[in-house]
N, C-alpha and C. Protein backbone atom coordinates (compact mmCIF):
# COMPACT_ATOMS: atom_id res chain seq x y z
N SER A 1 0.81 -1.12 -0.12
CA SER A 1 0.11 0.08 -0.11
C SER A 1 0.93 1.15 0.07
N VAL A 2 2.08 1.36 0.64
CA VAL A 2 3.12 2.31 0.46
C VAL A 2 3.38 2.74 -0.95
N ALA A 3 3.59 1.76 -1.80
CA ALA A 3 3.91 2.10 -3.25
C ALA A 3 2.83 2.58 -3.91
N LEU A 4 1.47 2.12 -3.73
CA LEU A 4 0.38 2.64 -4.29
C LEU A 4 -0.04 3.92 -3.91
N SER A 5 0.04 4.32 -2.48
CA SER A 5 -0.32 5.52 -2.06
C SER A 5 0.77 6.62 -2.62
N SER A 6 2.00 6.17 -2.68
CA SER A 6 2.99 6.97 -3.25
C SER A 6 2.88 7.44 -4.65
N ALA A 7 2.47 6.61 -5.54
CA ALA A 7 2.07 6.74 -6.68
C ALA A 7 0.76 7.79 -6.91
N LEU A 8 -0.20 7.53 -6.09
CA LEU A 8 -1.25 8.32 -6.18
C LEU A 8 -0.96 9.70 -5.55
N ALA A 9 -0.10 9.69 -4.45
CA ALA A 9 0.07 11.14 -3.93
C ALA A 9 1.21 11.93 -4.89
N ASN A 10 1.89 11.26 -5.57
CA ASN A 10 2.73 12.10 -6.74
C ASN A 10 1.62 12.69 -7.70
N ARG A 11 0.49 12.14 -8.02
CA ARG A 11 -0.44 12.92 -8.90
C ARG A 11 -0.96 14.16 -8.19
N PHE A 12 -1.16 14.04 -6.97
CA PHE A 12 -1.92 15.16 -6.06
C PHE A 12 -0.97 15.98 -5.44
N LEU A 13 0.48 15.78 -5.62
CA LEU A 13 1.34 16.79 -4.96
C LEU A 13 1.22 18.29 -5.38
N SER A 14 1.03 18.33 -6.70
CA SER A 14 1.15 19.57 -7.19
C SER A 14 -0.27 20.54 -6.85
N ALA A 15 -1.26 19.77 -6.63
CA ALA A 15 -2.58 20.22 -6.10
C ALA A 15 -2.66 20.64 -4.69
N VAL A 16 -2.02 19.87 -3.89
CA VAL A 16 -1.95 20.09 -2.39
C VAL A 16 -0.40 20.48 -1.94
N ASN A 17 -0.32 21.36 -1.08
CA ASN A 17 1.01 21.74 -0.70
C ASN A 17 1.57 20.63 0.41
N ARG A 18 2.87 20.44 0.17
CA ARG A 18 3.51 19.49 0.91
C ARG A 18 3.24 19.41 2.41
N PRO A 19 3.15 20.46 3.36
CA PRO A 19 2.96 20.41 4.59
C PRO A 19 1.54 19.77 4.70
N ALA A 20 0.56 20.16 3.87
CA ALA A 20 -0.75 19.29 4.27
C ALA A 20 -0.69 18.12 3.94
N GLN A 21 -0.02 17.75 2.89
CA GLN A 21 0.19 16.23 2.42
C GLN A 21 0.79 15.39 3.68
N CYS A 22 2.01 16.18 4.39
CA CYS A 22 2.77 15.33 5.38
C CYS A 22 1.84 15.13 6.54
N ILE A 23 0.89 16.17 6.80
CA ILE A 23 -0.04 16.12 7.91
C ILE A 23 -1.06 15.06 7.69
N ALA A 24 -1.60 15.05 6.40
CA ALA A 24 -2.51 13.99 6.09
C ALA A 24 -1.92 12.62 6.15
N GLY A 25 -0.94 12.32 5.81
CA GLY A 25 -0.19 11.16 5.82
C GLY A 25 0.18 10.83 7.34
N GLY A 26 0.55 11.70 8.09
CA GLY A 26 0.60 11.30 9.61
C GLY A 26 -0.59 10.92 10.22
N ILE A 27 -1.74 11.85 9.89
CA ILE A 27 -2.94 11.47 10.51
C ILE A 27 -3.39 9.92 10.05
N LEU A 28 -3.37 9.72 8.70
CA LEU A 28 -3.75 8.28 8.38
C LEU A 28 -2.89 7.30 9.01
N LEU A 29 -1.48 7.56 9.24
CA LEU A 29 -0.55 6.54 9.91
C LEU A 29 -0.95 6.40 11.42
N THR A 30 -1.42 7.47 11.99
CA THR A 30 -1.89 7.40 13.44
C THR A 30 -3.17 6.68 13.49
N ILE A 31 -4.09 6.90 12.76
CA ILE A 31 -5.27 6.25 12.72
C ILE A 31 -5.13 4.75 12.37
N GLY A 32 -4.07 4.40 11.55
CA GLY A 32 -3.91 3.07 11.04
C GLY A 32 -3.12 2.23 12.44
N LEU A 33 -2.27 2.98 13.14
CA LEU A 33 -1.72 2.43 14.32
C LEU A 33 -2.60 2.24 15.36
N PHE A 34 -3.38 3.15 15.71
CA PHE A 34 -4.40 2.81 16.63
C PHE A 34 -5.35 1.53 16.47
N ALA A 35 -5.80 1.58 14.95
CA ALA A 35 -6.63 0.53 14.61
C ALA A 35 -5.89 -0.78 14.72
N ALA A 36 -4.75 -0.79 14.42
CA ALA A 36 -3.89 -2.06 14.56
C ALA A 36 -3.70 -2.40 15.94
N GLY A 37 -3.52 -1.46 16.84
CA GLY A 37 -3.38 -1.74 18.27
C GLY A 37 -4.84 -2.33 18.91
N PHE A 38 -5.65 -2.03 18.43
CA PHE A 38 -7.04 -2.53 18.98
C PHE A 38 -7.61 -3.59 18.08
N ALA A 39 -7.14 -3.98 17.05
CA ALA A 39 -7.65 -4.94 15.98
C ALA A 39 -7.93 -6.26 16.76
N PRO A 40 -9.08 -6.89 16.81
CA PRO A 40 -9.31 -8.25 17.29
C PRO A 40 -8.83 -9.23 16.21
N VAL A 41 -7.70 -9.90 16.64
CA VAL A 41 -7.00 -10.90 15.95
C VAL A 41 -7.19 -12.33 16.11
N ARG A 42 -8.05 -12.47 17.22
CA ARG A 42 -8.23 -13.86 17.41
C ARG A 42 -9.37 -14.59 16.64
N GLN A 43 -10.28 -13.81 16.15
CA GLN A 43 -11.11 -14.39 15.27
C GLN A 43 -10.67 -14.34 13.92
N THR A 44 -10.18 -13.27 13.39
CA THR A 44 -9.55 -13.17 11.90
C THR A 44 -8.49 -12.06 11.76
N LEU A 45 -7.70 -12.17 10.84
CA LEU A 45 -6.73 -11.08 10.71
C LEU A 45 -7.24 -9.95 9.84
N TRP A 46 -8.24 -10.16 9.29
CA TRP A 46 -8.71 -8.92 8.29
C TRP A 46 -8.65 -7.45 8.95
N PRO A 47 -9.16 -7.39 10.09
CA PRO A 47 -9.00 -6.23 10.70
C PRO A 47 -7.62 -5.67 10.74
N LEU A 48 -6.66 -6.33 11.22
CA LEU A 48 -5.19 -6.03 11.14
C LEU A 48 -4.70 -5.64 10.09
N ALA A 49 -5.08 -6.56 9.01
CA ALA A 49 -4.60 -6.28 7.59
C ALA A 49 -5.08 -4.86 6.98
N VAL A 50 -6.38 -4.53 7.21
CA VAL A 50 -6.88 -3.33 6.96
C VAL A 50 -6.09 -2.02 7.67
N ALA A 51 -5.93 -2.37 9.04
CA ALA A 51 -5.18 -1.47 9.87
C ALA A 51 -3.82 -1.01 9.23
N ILE A 52 -3.14 -2.19 8.83
CA ILE A 52 -1.67 -2.15 8.26
C ILE A 52 -1.82 -1.47 6.89
N SER A 53 -2.84 -1.65 6.15
CA SER A 53 -2.84 -1.05 4.91
C SER A 53 -3.08 0.52 5.10
N ILE A 54 -3.83 0.95 5.99
CA ILE A 54 -3.98 2.31 6.31
C ILE A 54 -2.73 2.95 6.69
N CYS A 55 -2.01 2.28 7.58
CA CYS A 55 -0.55 2.75 7.97
C CYS A 55 0.33 2.88 6.63
N GLY A 56 0.12 1.92 5.73
CA GLY A 56 0.88 2.12 4.63
C GLY A 56 0.64 3.32 3.59
N MET A 57 -0.75 3.62 3.43
CA MET A 57 -1.17 4.69 2.85
C MET A 57 -0.65 5.98 3.46
N GLY A 58 -0.80 6.09 4.66
CA GLY A 58 -0.37 7.27 5.42
C GLY A 58 1.03 7.53 5.37
N PHE A 59 1.93 6.42 5.29
CA PHE A 59 3.33 6.58 5.31
C PHE A 59 3.73 7.04 3.90
N GLY A 60 2.89 6.42 2.94
CA GLY A 60 3.39 6.83 1.43
C GLY A 60 3.02 8.12 1.22
N LEU A 61 1.86 8.61 1.78
CA LEU A 61 1.62 10.24 1.56
C LEU A 61 2.70 10.84 2.09
N PHE A 62 2.99 10.62 3.33
CA PHE A 62 4.08 11.34 4.10
C PHE A 62 5.42 11.47 3.57
N GLN A 63 5.72 10.10 3.19
CA GLN A 63 7.22 9.92 2.62
C GLN A 63 7.51 10.65 1.43
N LEU A 64 6.61 10.70 0.57
CA LEU A 64 6.71 11.17 -0.78
C LEU A 64 6.92 12.77 -0.57
N ALA A 65 6.09 13.61 0.32
CA ALA A 65 6.19 14.93 0.42
C ALA A 65 7.34 15.27 1.31
N ASN A 66 7.64 14.61 2.16
CA ASN A 66 8.95 14.51 3.00
C ASN A 66 10.34 14.65 2.08
N ASN A 67 10.34 13.59 1.44
CA ASN A 67 11.43 13.47 0.62
C ASN A 67 11.58 14.57 -0.41
N GLN A 68 10.53 15.01 -0.96
CA GLN A 68 10.54 16.11 -1.97
C GLN A 68 11.00 17.23 -1.16
N THR A 69 10.58 17.56 -0.15
CA THR A 69 10.94 18.87 0.50
C THR A 69 12.50 18.71 1.10
N LEU A 70 12.79 17.50 1.45
CA LEU A 70 14.26 17.29 1.63
C LEU A 70 15.08 17.59 0.31
N PHE A 71 14.95 16.94 -0.56
CA PHE A 71 15.88 16.95 -1.67
C PHE A 71 15.75 18.20 -2.46
N LEU A 72 14.70 18.97 -2.53
CA LEU A 72 14.51 20.18 -3.17
C LEU A 72 15.10 21.34 -2.41
N SER A 73 15.35 21.23 -1.09
CA SER A 73 16.17 22.17 -0.34
C SER A 73 17.37 22.16 -0.28
N ILE A 74 18.11 21.37 -0.84
CA ILE A 74 19.58 21.28 -0.68
C ILE A 74 20.14 21.44 -2.11
N PRO A 75 21.45 21.90 -2.04
CA PRO A 75 22.12 22.00 -3.52
C PRO A 75 22.25 20.58 -4.21
N ALA A 76 22.19 20.79 -5.45
CA ALA A 76 22.13 19.51 -6.27
C ALA A 76 23.57 18.79 -5.90
N HIS A 77 24.52 19.43 -5.71
CA HIS A 77 25.86 18.82 -5.56
C HIS A 77 25.93 17.99 -4.10
N ARG A 78 24.94 18.23 -3.41
CA ARG A 78 25.00 17.73 -1.97
C ARG A 78 23.75 16.68 -1.97
N ALA A 79 23.22 16.31 -3.04
CA ALA A 79 22.15 15.23 -3.15
C ALA A 79 22.48 13.93 -2.77
N ALA A 80 23.59 13.44 -3.01
CA ALA A 80 24.08 11.92 -2.83
C ALA A 80 24.33 12.08 -1.20
N ALA A 81 24.97 12.94 -0.65
CA ALA A 81 25.28 12.93 0.76
C ALA A 81 23.93 13.00 1.55
N ALA A 82 22.81 13.69 1.11
CA ALA A 82 21.43 13.78 1.73
C ALA A 82 20.70 12.56 1.67
N GLY A 83 20.91 11.88 0.57
CA GLY A 83 20.35 10.46 0.20
C GLY A 83 20.99 9.43 1.28
N GLY A 84 22.41 9.75 1.46
CA GLY A 84 23.07 8.62 2.19
C GLY A 84 22.56 8.93 3.82
N ILE A 85 22.41 10.27 4.25
CA ILE A 85 22.14 10.46 5.56
C ILE A 85 20.50 10.11 5.72
N GLN A 86 19.84 10.19 4.70
CA GLN A 86 18.52 9.68 4.97
C GLN A 86 18.35 8.31 5.15
N GLY A 87 19.08 7.62 4.23
CA GLY A 87 19.10 6.17 4.22
C GLY A 87 19.50 5.62 5.76
N THR A 88 20.56 6.25 6.18
CA THR A 88 21.24 5.71 7.51
C THR A 88 20.20 6.16 8.52
N ALA A 89 19.57 7.21 8.49
CA ALA A 89 18.48 7.49 9.53
C ALA A 89 17.35 6.60 9.44
N ARG A 90 17.04 6.24 8.37
CA ARG A 90 15.86 5.20 8.21
C ARG A 90 16.21 3.80 8.79
N LEU A 91 17.50 3.41 8.39
CA LEU A 91 17.97 2.00 8.65
C LEU A 91 18.26 2.10 10.32
N SER A 92 18.78 3.07 10.83
CA SER A 92 18.91 3.20 12.32
C SER A 92 17.57 3.10 13.03
N GLY A 93 16.56 3.87 12.52
CA GLY A 93 15.29 3.75 13.21
C GLY A 93 14.65 2.36 13.00
N GLN A 94 14.66 1.76 12.06
CA GLN A 94 14.19 0.41 11.75
C GLN A 94 15.07 -0.65 12.56
N THR A 95 16.30 -0.51 12.77
CA THR A 95 17.12 -1.36 13.72
C THR A 95 16.77 -1.21 15.08
N ALA A 96 16.65 0.16 15.56
CA ALA A 96 16.20 0.44 17.11
C ALA A 96 14.77 -0.19 17.19
N GLY A 97 13.90 -0.03 16.39
CA GLY A 97 12.51 -0.46 16.62
C GLY A 97 12.47 -1.85 16.69
N THR A 98 13.18 -2.48 15.74
CA THR A 98 13.11 -3.87 15.93
C THR A 98 13.94 -4.56 17.04
N SER A 99 14.85 -3.88 17.61
CA SER A 99 15.45 -4.42 18.77
C SER A 99 14.69 -4.03 19.95
N ILE A 100 13.97 -2.97 20.03
CA ILE A 100 13.20 -2.65 21.24
C ILE A 100 12.13 -3.74 21.20
N ALA A 101 11.57 -3.96 19.97
CA ALA A 101 10.19 -4.69 19.73
C ALA A 101 10.70 -6.14 20.23
N SER A 102 12.02 -6.66 19.86
CA SER A 102 12.45 -8.02 20.24
C SER A 102 12.55 -8.15 21.75
N MET A 103 13.01 -6.97 22.39
CA MET A 103 13.22 -7.12 24.00
C MET A 103 11.84 -7.08 24.63
N VAL A 104 10.91 -6.24 24.25
CA VAL A 104 9.62 -6.19 24.85
C VAL A 104 8.74 -7.45 24.62
N PHE A 105 8.93 -8.01 23.35
CA PHE A 105 7.91 -9.16 23.03
C PHE A 105 8.68 -10.43 23.26
N ALA A 106 9.73 -10.59 23.79
CA ALA A 106 10.60 -11.92 23.89
C ALA A 106 10.20 -12.63 25.15
């Protein structure tokens, strides 16, 4: 759903300003996370799948606008460095999240 929402967000980015798109994506991501936290998974996994899809849509909306803002605000000759820093920050967050989750749910 991240790929789908990013593709759709790209079409609407010119019509909606980037801060509004970041806010909308954050709101959708928050709604999806709350829904995932309260999804009844004992009977079926469909509510959780829907909640995770909402999370993906929100993240896709946010990510596209955020990345465009980042890369359009730096000089072209620094784009590679900015991409490296962005990738490092993303991977560090994923690693920290996975490590914390494995300690909590172990």
